[in-house]
Amino acid sequence: MNRSHPPAHAFTLVELIASIVVCALIVGMILPALGGACGCGQRRPFKDSNHLRGIVQSMIMWSQNNRGSYPLPSAIDPGSTVAAQGAAKDTTGNILSILIWNGTISTEVCVSPAEANTAQVESIADYAFQSPAAAVDPANALWDPRFRGTPIDPALGGLPAGAPGNQSYAHIIPCGNRLKLWRDNASTTEAVLGNRGPRYAPDDRAPHPADGRWALVDGPLGRGSNTLLIHGRRETWEGCIARNDGSVRFEHKPSPDDVTYTRYVGARSHAAFDNLFVSESDELDGDARPGAFDRGVNAFLRPIAERGEAGAGGFRLWVD
């Protein structure tokens, strides 16, 4: 005897709609949790890397019309049209102000979306694109010198000493032997620009420890540095670093695996990981002299507030 099976139950339209609504509610509850777990931490480095990429690529564009060199204010304005004569004008504020003046970056790009020291860093609101009053010769100026690279820049154009800086980043100190790094050479292993960093022990003039590990100094410029909060944690530095090929990478330590220098111990030499925020003096003819940065060729990234002639110890580098 044939038995007929009962017909399979089919979804009604009402049940289908109810299922879709339930799924949408579940997705709506999961996405905020995922965003809280990974979104913020991933978005900030991504946005920051875009800022850095924009700056370094504008430097590369500049170099294409300037014999491969990145902006160097003392070469662009060898007289006193904008500021004082000589290398004293080769500061972070002037370097970035040249790019802003020429329209290749905006003032907003110069401030990191992850900036931790908002009390001392803010975007400039009144950049003068024509006849900047703070220039020595406003009518023939080539950038606005009121753009401040650090909050410790000297007073200028009515701004008091201690006014906020207008940018967030650090770059290679462009003097002496390091001028070789201040140019477009398409190198993937030469760090030229990035999030600024803290102070490490031993200090910027001494060789690093034999085991190659870097410890933060005690105090507000080391363990208490604002730079540790830009992307990292209170114990370690993390940040975005741009190379001379225009690429930007997120680094989890101050001595990237692909950035090295030649370390000398007696007559022997070997490659060592390069701390981006230390001027290592254990390379051949390194900078063992206090305040001198003209001999070294290892990567050394700091914002420059004031500078004198190479080797004269006249640099003021901002660490916060």
C-alpha atoms as a PDB file:
ATOM      1  CA  MET A   1       0.000   0.000   0.000  1.00  0.00           C
ATOM      2  CA  ASN A   2       1.420   3.291  -0.964  1.00  0.00           C
ATOM      3  CA  ARG A   3       1.675   5.800   1.784  1.00  0.00           C
ATOM      4  CA  SER A   4       1.731   9.445   0.891  1.00  0.00           C
ATOM      5  CA  HIS A   5       4.305  11.521   2.757  1.00  0.00           C
ATOM      6  CA  PRO A   6       3.125  14.743   4.319  1.00  0.00           C
ATOM      7  CA  PRO A   7       4.148  17.775   2.261  1.00  0.00           C
ATOM      8  CA  ALA A   8       7.346  19.515   3.399  1.00  0.00           C
ATOM      9  CA  HIS A   9       6.726  22.738   5.294  1.00  0.00           C
ATOM     10  CA  ALA A  10       7.605  25.799   3.169  1.00  0.00           C
ATOM     11  CA  PHE A  11       8.615  29.188   4.521  1.00  0.00           C
ATOM     12  CA  THR A  12       5.788  31.616   4.393  1.00  0.00           C
ATOM     13  CA  LEU A  13       6.515  35.195   3.430  1.00  0.00           C
ATOM     14  CA  VAL A  14       5.999  36.280   7.029  1.00  0.00           C
ATOM     15  CA  GLU A  15       8.526  33.711   8.313  1.00  0.00           C
ATOM     16  CA  LEU A  16      11.081  34.727   5.684  1.00  0.00           C
ATOM     17  CA  ILE A  17      10.790  38.369   6.645  1.00  0.00           C
ATOM     18  CA  ALA A  18      11.090  37.472  10.326  1.00  0.00           C
ATOM     19  CA  SER A  19      14.289  35.475   9.630  1.00  0.00           C
ATOM     20  CA  ILE A  20      15.821  38.395   7.746  1.00  0.00           C
ATOM     21  CA  VAL A  21      14.997  40.759  10.586  1.00  0.00           C
ATOM     22  CA  VAL A  22      16.589  38.417  13.159  1.00  0.00           C
ATOM     23  CA  CYS A  23      19.759  38.115  11.048  1.00  0.00           C
ATOM     24  CA  ALA A  24      19.940  41.888  10.679  1.00  0.00           C
ATOM     25  CA  LEU A  25      19.634  42.319  14.444  1.00  0.00           C
ATOM     26  CA  ILE A  26      22.426  39.812  15.053  1.00  0.00           C
ATOM     27  CA  VAL A  27      24.707  41.559  12.540  1.00  0.00           C
ATOM     28  CA  GLY A  28      23.847  44.893  14.123  1.00  0.00           C
ATOM     29  CA  MET A  29      24.985  43.618  17.516  1.00  0.00           C
ATOM     30  CA  ILE A  30      28.206  42.014  16.206  1.00  0.00           C
ATOM     31  CA  LEU A  31      29.552  44.880  14.073  1.00  0.00           C
ATOM     32  CA  PRO A  32      29.917  47.430  16.910  1.00  0.00           C
ATOM     33  CA  ALA A  33      31.804  44.851  18.948  1.00  0.00           C
ATOM     34  CA  LEU A  34      34.149  44.173  16.042  1.00  0.00           C
ATOM     35  CA  GLY A  35      34.606  47.890  15.501  1.00  0.00           C
ATOM     36  CA  GLY A  36      35.522  48.387  19.148  1.00  0.00           C
ATOM     37  CA  ALA A  37      37.943  45.461  19.084  1.00  0.00           C
ATOM     38  CA  CYS A  38      39.881  46.265  15.944  1.00  0.00           C
ATOM     39  CA  GLY A  39      38.395  49.193  14.054  1.00  0.00           C
ATOM     40  CA  CYS A  40      39.876  52.092  15.978  1.00  0.00           C
ATOM     41  CA  GLY A  41      43.307  50.532  16.252  1.00  0.00           C
ATOM     42  CA  GLN A  42      43.371  49.829  12.519  1.00  0.00           C
ATOM     43  CA  ARG A  43      41.794  53.063  11.272  1.00  0.00           C
ATOM     44  CA  ARG A  44      44.185  55.444  13.024  1.00  0.00           C
ATOM     45  CA  PRO A  45      47.396  53.941  11.566  1.00  0.00           C
ATOM     46  CA  PHE A  46      45.707  53.766   8.155  1.00  0.00           C
ATOM     47  CA  LYS A  47      44.746  57.449   8.236  1.00  0.00           C
ATOM     48  CA  ASP A  48      48.139  58.408   9.647  1.00  0.00           C
ATOM     49  CA  SER A  49      49.967  56.486   6.929  1.00  0.00           C
ATOM     50  CA  ASN A  50      47.926  58.392   4.344  1.00  0.00           C
ATOM     51  CA  HIS A  51      49.094  61.682   5.866  1.00  0.00           C
ATOM     52  CA  LEU A  52      52.723  60.555   5.826  1.00  0.00           C
ATOM     53  CA  ARG A  53      52.434  59.162   2.316  1.00  0.00           C
ATOM     54  CA  GLY A  54      51.078  62.495   1.128  1.00  0.00           C
ATOM     55  CA  ILE A  55      54.002  64.376   2.682  1.00  0.00           C
ATOM     56  CA  VAL A  56      56.777  62.078   1.473  1.00  0.00           C
ATOM     57  CA  GLN A  57      55.329  61.881  -2.025  1.00  0.00           C
ATOM     58  CA  SER A  58      55.163  65.677  -2.158  1.00  0.00           C
ATOM     59  CA  MET A  59      58.852  65.684  -1.167  1.00  0.00           C
ATOM     60  CA  ILE A  60      59.569  63.293  -4.019  1.00  0.00           C
ATOM     61  CA  MET A  61      57.639  65.527  -6.423  1.00  0.00           C
ATOM     62  CA  TRP A  62      59.720  68.477  -5.244  1.00  0.00           C
ATOM     63  CA  SER A  63      62.936  66.530  -5.781  1.00  0.00           C
ATOM     64  CA  GLN A  64      62.104  65.839  -9.415  1.00  0.00           C
ATOM     65  CA  ASN A  65      62.575  69.544 -10.186  1.00  0.00           C
ATOM     66  CA  ASN A  66      65.410  70.119  -7.722  1.00  0.00           C
ATOM     67  CA  ARG A  67      68.173  67.701  -8.688  1.00  0.00           C
ATOM     68  CA  GLY A  68      66.833  64.913  -6.518  1.00  0.00           C
ATOM     69  CA  SER A  69      66.956  66.893  -3.263  1.00  0.00           C
ATOM     70  CA  TYR A  70      64.087  67.258  -0.829  1.00  0.00           C
ATOM     71  CA  PRO A  71      63.232  70.811   0.293  1.00  0.00           C
ATOM     72  CA  LEU A  72      66.158  72.497   2.009  1.00  0.00           C
ATOM     73  CA  PRO A  73      65.260  76.077   2.998  1.00  0.00           C
ATOM     74  CA  SER A  74      68.868  77.305   3.099  1.00  0.00           C
ATOM     75  CA  ALA A  75      69.320  76.251  -0.549  1.00  0.00           C
ATOM     76  CA  ILE A  76      65.954  77.620  -1.695  1.00  0.00           C
ATOM     77  CA  ASP A  77      66.463  80.966   0.023  1.00  0.00           C
ATOM     78  CA  PRO A  78      70.252  81.474   0.167  1.00  0.00           C
ATOM     79  CA  GLY A  79      69.861  85.132   1.026  1.00  0.00           C
ATOM     80  CA  SER A  80      67.507  86.593   3.615  1.00  0.00           C
ATOM     81  CA  THR A  81      64.225  86.842   1.728  1.00  0.00           C
ATOM     82  CA  VAL A  82      62.257  84.707   4.183  1.00  0.00           C
ATOM     83  CA  ALA A  83      64.438  84.245   7.252  1.00  0.00           C
ATOM     84  CA  ALA A  84      67.982  84.548   8.594  1.00  0.00           C
ATOM     85  CA  GLN A  85      70.891  83.478   6.438  1.00  0.00           C
ATOM     86  CA  GLY A  86      72.508  80.070   6.432  1.00  0.00           C
ATOM     87  CA  ALA A  87      71.575  76.664   7.758  1.00  0.00           C
ATOM     88  CA  ALA A  88      69.675  78.204  10.696  1.00  0.00           C
ATOM     89  CA  LYS A  89      66.557  78.232   8.514  1.00  0.00           C
ATOM     90  CA  ASP A  90      66.687  74.447   7.892  1.00  0.00           C
ATOM     91  CA  THR A  91      64.033  73.643  10.478  1.00  0.00           C
ATOM     92  CA  THR A  92      61.037  71.318  10.376  1.00  0.00           C
ATOM     93  CA  GLY A  93      58.586  74.206  10.233  1.00  0.00           C
ATOM     94  CA  ASN A  94      60.280  75.829   7.235  1.00  0.00           C
ATOM     95  CA  ILE A  95      60.675  72.514   5.381  1.00  0.00           C
ATOM     96  CA  LEU A  96      56.971  71.673   5.591  1.00  0.00           C
ATOM     97  CA  SER A  97      55.937  75.285   5.014  1.00  0.00           C
ATOM     98  CA  ILE A  98      57.654  75.167   1.613  1.00  0.00           C
ATOM     99  CA  LEU A  99      55.496  72.196   0.590  1.00  0.00           C
ATOM    100  CA  ILE A 100      52.341  73.909   1.868  1.00  0.00           C
ATOM    101  CA  TRP A 101      53.218  77.146   0.032  1.00  0.00           C
ATOM    102  CA  ASN A 102      53.604  75.200  -3.220  1.00  0.00           C
ATOM    103  CA  GLY A 103      50.238  73.504  -2.771  1.00  0.00           C
ATOM    104  CA  THR A 104      51.427  69.893  -2.662  1.00  0.00           C
ATOM    105  CA  ILE A 105      50.183  69.302   0.896  1.00  0.00           C
ATOM    106  CA  SER A 106      47.625  70.964   3.138  1.00  0.00           C
ATOM    107  CA  THR A 107      48.163  72.300   6.644  1.00  0.00           C
ATOM    108  CA  GLU A 108      45.757  69.631   7.946  1.00  0.00           C
ATOM    109  CA  VAL A 109      47.886  66.786   6.563  1.00  0.00           C
ATOM    110  CA  CYS A 110      50.768  67.913   8.774  1.00  0.00           C
ATOM    111  CA  VAL A 111      48.893  67.013  11.973  1.00  0.00           C
ATOM    112  CA  SER A 112      48.544  63.308  12.706  1.00  0.00           C
ATOM    113  CA  PRO A 113      44.974  61.993  13.175  1.00  0.00           C
ATOM    114  CA  ALA A 114      46.470  60.025  16.073  1.00  0.00           C
ATOM    115  CA  GLU A 115      48.188  63.032  17.705  1.00  0.00           C
ATOM    116  CA  ALA A 116      48.436  62.418  21.461  1.00  0.00           C
ATOM    117  CA  ASN A 117      49.795  65.816  22.514  1.00  0.00           C
ATOM    118  CA  THR A 118      46.869  67.971  21.402  1.00  0.00           C
ATOM    119  CA  ALA A 119      47.774  70.668  23.934  1.00  0.00           C
ATOM    120  CA  GLN A 120      50.989  71.423  22.039  1.00  0.00           C
ATOM    121  CA  VAL A 121      50.149  70.459  18.447  1.00  0.00           C
ATOM    122  CA  GLU A 122      47.345  71.957  16.381  1.00  0.00           C
ATOM    123  CA  SER A 123      46.724  72.808  12.733  1.00  0.00           C
ATOM    124  CA  ILE A 124      47.559  76.395  11.788  1.00  0.00           C
ATOM    125  CA  ALA A 125      44.427  78.423  11.086  1.00  0.00           C
ATOM    126  CA  ASP A 126      45.883  81.449   9.308  1.00  0.00           C
ATOM    127  CA  TYR A 127      48.643  80.247   6.997  1.00  0.00           C
ATOM    128  CA  ALA A 128      49.639  83.162   4.726  1.00  0.00           C
ATOM    129  CA  PHE A 129      49.929  82.060   1.097  1.00  0.00           C
ATOM    130  CA  GLN A 130      50.780  85.570  -0.059  1.00  0.00           C
ATOM    131  CA  SER A 131      53.122  88.190   1.386  1.00  0.00           C
ATOM    132  CA  PRO A 132      53.554  86.574   4.825  1.00  0.00           C
ATOM    133  CA  ALA A 133      54.111  89.379   7.310  1.00  0.00           C
ATOM    134  CA  ALA A 134      56.655  87.356   9.312  1.00  0.00           C
ATOM    135  CA  ALA A 135      59.053  87.076   6.353  1.00  0.00           C
ATOM    136  CA  VAL A 136      62.031  89.411   6.057  1.00  0.00           C
ATOM    137  CA  ASP A 137      60.838  90.425   2.587  1.00  0.00           C
ATOM    138  CA  PRO A 138      57.099  89.554   2.472  1.00  0.00           C
ATOM    139  CA  ALA A 139      56.611  90.477  -1.190  1.00  0.00           C
ATOM    140  CA  ASN A 140      59.251  87.966  -2.320  1.00  0.00           C
ATOM    141  CA  ALA A 141      58.749  85.288   0.308  1.00  0.00           C
ATOM    142  CA  LEU A 142      58.873  81.618  -0.685  1.00  0.00           C
ATOM    143  CA  TRP A 143      56.993  80.234   2.341  1.00  0.00           C
ATOM    144  CA  ASP A 144      55.264  81.437   5.509  1.00  0.00           C
ATOM    145  CA  PRO A 145      57.794  81.247   8.382  1.00  0.00           C
ATOM    146  CA  ARG A 146      55.009  81.462  10.984  1.00  0.00           C
ATOM    147  CA  PHE A 147      54.278  77.774  10.406  1.00  0.00           C
ATOM    148  CA  ARG A 148      55.741  76.158  13.531  1.00  0.00           C
ATOM    149  CA  GLY A 149      57.418  72.782  13.332  1.00  0.00           C
ATOM    150  CA  THR A 150      57.466  72.377  17.123  1.00  0.00           C
ATOM    151  CA  PRO A 151      56.055  74.136  20.199  1.00  0.00           C
ATOM    152  CA  ILE A 152      59.618  75.106  21.175  1.00  0.00           C
ATOM    153  CA  ASP A 153      60.234  77.096  17.969  1.00  0.00           C
ATOM    154  CA  PRO A 154      61.416  80.649  18.690  1.00  0.00           C
ATOM    155  CA  ALA A 155      58.837  83.429  18.837  1.00  0.00           C
ATOM    156  CA  LEU A 156      58.056  84.849  15.382  1.00  0.00           C
ATOM    157  CA  GLY A 157      55.488  87.060  13.728  1.00  0.00           C
ATOM    158  CA  GLY A 158      53.599  87.905  16.890  1.00  0.00           C
ATOM    159  CA  LEU A 159      53.429  84.310  18.106  1.00  0.00           C
ATOM    160  CA  PRO A 160      54.917  83.941  21.599  1.00  0.00           C
ATOM    161  CA  ALA A 161      57.488  81.317  22.493  1.00  0.00           C
ATOM    162  CA  GLY A 162      55.596  78.231  23.606  1.00  0.00           C
ATOM    163  CA  ALA A 163      52.767  78.592  21.090  1.00  0.00           C
ATOM    164  CA  PRO A 164      51.549  75.209  19.745  1.00  0.00           C
ATOM    165  CA  GLY A 165      53.432  73.514  16.953  1.00  0.00           C
ATOM    166  CA  ASN A 166      51.605  72.977  13.670  1.00  0.00           C
ATOM    167  CA  GLN A 167      52.810  69.497  12.754  1.00  0.00           C
ATOM    168  CA  SER A 168      53.183  66.037  14.313  1.00  0.00           C
ATOM    169  CA  TYR A 169      56.068  64.290  12.587  1.00  0.00           C
ATOM    170  CA  ALA A 170      59.824  63.690  12.756  1.00  0.00           C
ATOM    171  CA  HIS A 171      62.275  63.459   9.854  1.00  0.00           C
ATOM    172  CA  ILE A 172      65.912  62.759   9.061  1.00  0.00           C
ATOM    173  CA  ILE A 173      68.205  65.534  10.307  1.00  0.00           C
ATOM    174  CA  PRO A 174      69.276  67.042   6.936  1.00  0.00           C
ATOM    175  CA  CYS A 175      72.880  68.023   7.563  1.00  0.00           C
ATOM    176  CA  GLY A 176      76.384  66.682   7.076  1.00  0.00           C
ATOM    177  CA  ASN A 177      76.579  63.100   5.899  1.00  0.00           C
ATOM    178  CA  ARG A 178      72.838  62.637   6.394  1.00  0.00           C
ATOM    179  CA  LEU A 179      72.176  64.930   3.446  1.00  0.00           C
ATOM    180  CA  LYS A 180      72.744  61.776   1.390  1.00  0.00           C
ATOM    181  CA  LEU A 181      69.479  60.480   2.866  1.00  0.00           C
ATOM    182  CA  TRP A 182      67.600  63.758   2.249  1.00  0.00           C
ATOM    183  CA  ARG A 183      66.896  63.010  -1.384  1.00  0.00           C
ATOM    184  CA  ASP A 184      64.821  60.805  -3.639  1.00  0.00           C
ATOM    185  CA  ASN A 185      66.849  57.650  -4.175  1.00  0.00           C
ATOM    186  CA  ALA A 186      63.937  55.168  -4.229  1.00  0.00           C
ATOM    187  CA  SER A 187      65.425  53.222  -1.317  1.00  0.00           C
ATOM    188  CA  THR A 188      63.025  50.882   0.472  1.00  0.00           C
ATOM    189  CA  THR A 189      65.277  50.635   3.536  1.00  0.00           C
ATOM    190  CA  GLU A 190      66.014  54.300   4.275  1.00  0.00           C
ATOM    191  CA  ALA A 191      63.588  55.813   6.778  1.00  0.00           C
ATOM    192  CA  VAL A 192      63.076  59.536   6.122  1.00  0.00           C
ATOM    193  CA  LEU A 193      59.845  60.589   7.876  1.00  0.00           C
ATOM    194  CA  GLY A 194      57.454  59.230  10.485  1.00  0.00           C
ATOM    195  CA  ASN A 195      55.701  59.492  13.812  1.00  0.00           C
ATOM    196  CA  ARG A 196      58.058  61.077  16.319  1.00  0.00           C
ATOM    197  CA  GLY A 197      59.526  59.000  19.132  1.00  0.00           C
ATOM    198  CA  PRO A 198      60.746  59.114  22.756  1.00  0.00           C
ATOM    199  CA  ARG A 199      64.222  59.201  24.231  1.00  0.00           C
ATOM    200  CA  TYR A 200      66.050  55.945  24.804  1.00  0.00           C
ATOM    201  CA  ALA A 201      68.831  54.936  27.176  1.00  0.00           C
ATOM    202  CA  PRO A 202      71.719  55.284  26.718  1.00  0.00           C
ATOM    203  CA  ASP A 203      71.161  58.756  25.341  1.00  0.00           C
ATOM    204  CA  ASP A 204      71.318  59.893  21.720  1.00  0.00           C
ATOM    205  CA  ARG A 205      75.109  60.245  21.726  1.00  0.00           C
ATOM    206  CA  ALA A 206      76.194  56.911  23.201  1.00  0.00           C
ATOM    207  CA  PRO A 207      76.503  53.437  21.656  1.00  0.00           C
ATOM    208  CA  HIS A 208      73.567  51.137  22.179  1.00  0.00           C
ATOM    209  CA  PRO A 209      73.815  48.206  24.631  1.00  0.00           C
ATOM    210  CA  ALA A 210      75.749  45.134  23.590  1.00  0.00           C
ATOM    211  CA  ASP A 211      72.575  43.034  23.385  1.00  0.00           C
ATOM    212  CA  GLY A 212      70.975  45.532  21.018  1.00  0.00           C
ATOM    213  CA  ARG A 213      67.948  46.093  23.240  1.00  0.00           C
ATOM    214  CA  TRP A 214      66.767  49.627  23.821  1.00  0.00           C
ATOM    215  CA  ALA A 215      65.317  50.819  27.116  1.00  0.00           C
ATOM    216  CA  LEU A 216      63.352  54.015  27.593  1.00  0.00           C
ATOM    217  CA  VAL A 217      64.851  56.617  29.887  1.00  0.00           C
ATOM    218  CA  ASP A 218      62.951  57.422  33.060  1.00  0.00           C
ATOM    219  CA  GLY A 219      60.970  60.631  33.098  1.00  0.00           C
ATOM    220  CA  PRO A 220      58.575  62.530  30.804  1.00  0.00           C
ATOM    221  CA  LEU A 221      60.726  62.239  27.664  1.00  0.00           C
ATOM    222  CA  GLY A 222      61.119  58.460  27.955  1.00  0.00           C
ATOM    223  CA  ARG A 223      58.671  56.286  29.855  1.00  0.00           C
ATOM    224  CA  GLY A 224      56.275  59.200  30.161  1.00  0.00           C
ATOM    225  CA  SER A 225      56.593  60.402  26.560  1.00  0.00           C
ATOM    226  CA  ASN A 226      53.444  61.473  24.714  1.00  0.00           C
ATOM    227  CA  THR A 227      54.844  59.757  21.629  1.00  0.00           C
ATOM    228  CA  LEU A 228      54.169  56.340  23.151  1.00  0.00           C
ATOM    229  CA  LEU A 229      50.443  57.085  23.047  1.00  0.00           C
ATOM    230  CA  ILE A 230      50.278  58.038  19.358  1.00  0.00           C
ATOM    231  CA  HIS A 231      49.909  54.415  18.265  1.00  0.00           C
ATOM    232  CA  GLY A 232      51.632  52.299  20.898  1.00  0.00           C
ATOM    233  CA  ARG A 233      51.180  51.584  24.565  1.00  0.00           C
ATOM    234  CA  ARG A 234      52.681  53.299  27.565  1.00  0.00           C
ATOM    235  CA  GLU A 235      55.563  50.791  27.562  1.00  0.00           C
ATOM    236  CA  THR A 236      56.511  50.628  23.868  1.00  0.00           C
ATOM    237  CA  TRP A 237      56.675  52.809  20.762  1.00  0.00           C
ATOM    238  CA  GLU A 238      54.742  51.926  17.610  1.00  0.00           C
ATOM    239  CA  GLY A 239      54.203  54.095  14.586  1.00  0.00           C
ATOM    240  CA  CYS A 240      54.184  54.744  10.847  1.00  0.00           C
ATOM    241  CA  ILE A 241      57.491  55.282   9.042  1.00  0.00           C
ATOM    242  CA  ALA A 242      57.935  56.512   5.450  1.00  0.00           C
ATOM    243  CA  ARG A 243      60.826  55.302   3.296  1.00  0.00           C
ATOM    244  CA  ASN A 244      62.679  57.063   0.506  1.00  0.00           C
ATOM    245  CA  ASP A 245      60.695  55.138  -2.096  1.00  0.00           C
ATOM    246  CA  GLY A 246      57.467  56.830  -0.941  1.00  0.00           C
ATOM    247  CA  SER A 247      56.124  53.783   0.891  1.00  0.00           C
ATOM    248  CA  VAL A 248      54.848  53.859   4.478  1.00  0.00           C
ATOM    249  CA  ARG A 249      54.885  50.945   6.922  1.00  0.00           C
ATOM    250  CA  PHE A 250      53.524  50.486  10.403  1.00  0.00           C
ATOM    251  CA  GLU A 251      56.356  49.497  12.745  1.00  0.00           C
ATOM    252  CA  HIS A 252      55.989  47.773  16.120  1.00  0.00           C
ATOM    253  CA  LYS A 253      59.412  48.826  17.418  1.00  0.00           C
ATOM    254  CA  PRO A 254      61.832  51.746  16.960  1.00  0.00           C
ATOM    255  CA  SER A 255      64.425  49.572  15.189  1.00  0.00           C
ATOM    256  CA  PRO A 256      62.731  48.065  12.095  1.00  0.00           C
ATOM    257  CA  ASP A 257      64.115  44.776  10.809  1.00  0.00           C
ATOM    258  CA  ASP A 258      64.951  46.247   7.391  1.00  0.00           C
ATOM    259  CA  VAL A 259      66.686  49.440   8.576  1.00  0.00           C
ATOM    260  CA  THR A 260      70.285  48.774   9.574  1.00  0.00           C
ATOM    261  CA  TYR A 261      73.635  50.527   9.880  1.00  0.00           C
ATOM    262  CA  THR A 262      77.235  49.290  10.064  1.00  0.00           C
ATOM    263  CA  ARG A 263      78.337  48.987  13.664  1.00  0.00           C
ATOM    264  CA  TYR A 264      82.039  48.951  14.540  1.00  0.00           C
ATOM    265  CA  VAL A 265      83.452  47.227  17.610  1.00  0.00           C
ATOM    266  CA  GLY A 266      87.185  47.807  17.517  1.00  0.00           C
ATOM    267  CA  ALA A 267      88.360  46.822  14.051  1.00  0.00           C
ATOM    268  CA  ARG A 268      85.386  44.553  13.423  1.00  0.00           C
ATOM    269  CA  SER A 269      82.095  45.576  11.883  1.00  0.00           C
ATOM    270  CA  HIS A 270      78.658  44.074  11.434  1.00  0.00           C
ATOM    271  CA  ALA A 271      75.148  45.151  10.499  1.00  0.00           C
ATOM    272  CA  ALA A 272      72.980  46.242  13.438  1.00  0.00           C
ATOM    273  CA  PHE A 273      69.338  47.235  13.684  1.00  0.00           C
ATOM    274  CA  ASP A 274      69.014  51.020  13.572  1.00  0.00           C
ATOM    275  CA  ASN A 275      66.984  52.798  16.260  1.00  0.00           C
ATOM    276  CA  LEU A 276      65.233  55.570  14.353  1.00  0.00           C
ATOM    277  CA  PHE A 277      65.327  57.948  17.322  1.00  0.00           C
ATOM    278  CA  VAL A 278      68.976  57.532  18.310  1.00  0.00           C
ATOM    279  CA  SER A 279      72.062  58.922  16.615  1.00  0.00           C
ATOM    280  CA  GLU A 280      74.240  55.844  17.137  1.00  0.00           C
ATOM    281  CA  SER A 281      77.876  56.736  17.606  1.00  0.00           C
ATOM    282  CA  ASP A 282      79.303  53.231  17.246  1.00  0.00           C
ATOM    283  CA  GLU A 283      79.440  53.419  13.453  1.00  0.00           C
ATOM    284  CA  LEU A 284      82.712  54.359  11.765  1.00  0.00           C
ATOM    285  CA  ASP A 285      83.393  58.069  12.438  1.00  0.00           C
ATOM    286  CA  GLY A 286      80.086  58.283  14.304  1.00  0.00           C
ATOM    287  CA  ASP A 287      78.822  61.278  16.260  1.00  0.00           C
ATOM    288  CA  ALA A 288      80.386  60.907  19.693  1.00  0.00           C
ATOM    289  CA  ARG A 289      80.523  64.683  20.156  1.00  0.00           C
ATOM    290  CA  PRO A 290      77.639  66.106  22.235  1.00  0.00           C
ATOM    291  CA  GLY A 291      75.034  67.800  20.082  1.00  0.00           C
ATOM    292  CA  ALA A 292      76.697  66.949  16.754  1.00  0.00           C
ATOM    293  CA  PHE A 293      74.772  65.099  14.050  1.00  0.00           C
ATOM    294  CA  ASP A 294      76.760  65.814  10.906  1.00  0.00           C
ATOM    295  CA  ARG A 295      79.017  62.738  10.798  1.00  0.00           C
ATOM    296  CA  GLY A 296      76.520  59.927  11.170  1.00  0.00           C
ATOM    297  CA  VAL A 297      74.653  58.220   8.354  1.00  0.00           C
ATOM    298  CA  ASN A 298      72.344  56.072  10.472  1.00  0.00           C
ATOM    299  CA  ALA A 299      68.669  57.007  10.527  1.00  0.00           C
ATOM    300  CA  PHE A 300      67.932  59.717  13.101  1.00  0.00           C
ATOM    301  CA  LEU A 301      64.438  61.211  13.065  1.00  0.00           C
ATOM    302  CA  ARG A 302      63.564  64.260  15.178  1.00  0.00           C
ATOM    303  CA  PRO A 303      61.615  67.507  14.643  1.00  0.00           C
ATOM    304  CA  ILE A 304      64.020  70.470  14.478  1.00  0.00           C
ATOM    305  CA  ALA A 305      63.045  73.626  16.373  1.00  0.00           C
ATOM    306  CA  GLU A 306      66.326  75.527  15.881  1.00  0.00           C
ATOM    307  CA  ARG A 307      69.668  74.653  14.370  1.00  0.00           C
ATOM    308  CA  GLY A 308      73.137  76.046  13.955  1.00  0.00           C
ATOM    309  CA  GLU A 309      75.953  75.037  11.670  1.00  0.00           C
ATOM    310  CA  ALA A 310      76.775  71.336  11.416  1.00  0.00           C
ATOM    311  CA  GLY A 311      79.005  70.187  14.241  1.00  0.00           C
ATOM    312  CA  ALA A 312      78.515  73.344  16.276  1.00  0.00           C
ATOM    313  CA  GLY A 313      76.088  71.772  18.750  1.00  0.00           C
ATOM    314  CA  GLY A 314      73.464  74.397  18.014  1.00  0.00           C
ATOM    315  CA  PHE A 315      70.514  72.075  17.470  1.00  0.00           C
ATOM    316  CA  ARG A 316      67.279  72.154  19.448  1.00  0.00           C
ATOM    317  CA  LEU A 317      65.371  68.945  18.733  1.00  0.00           C
ATOM    318  CA  TRP A 318      61.875  68.466  20.103  1.00  0.00           C
ATOM    319  CA  VAL A 319      61.157  65.424  22.256  1.00  0.00           C
ATOM    320  CA  ASP A 320      57.882  65.302  24.193  1.00  0.00           C
END
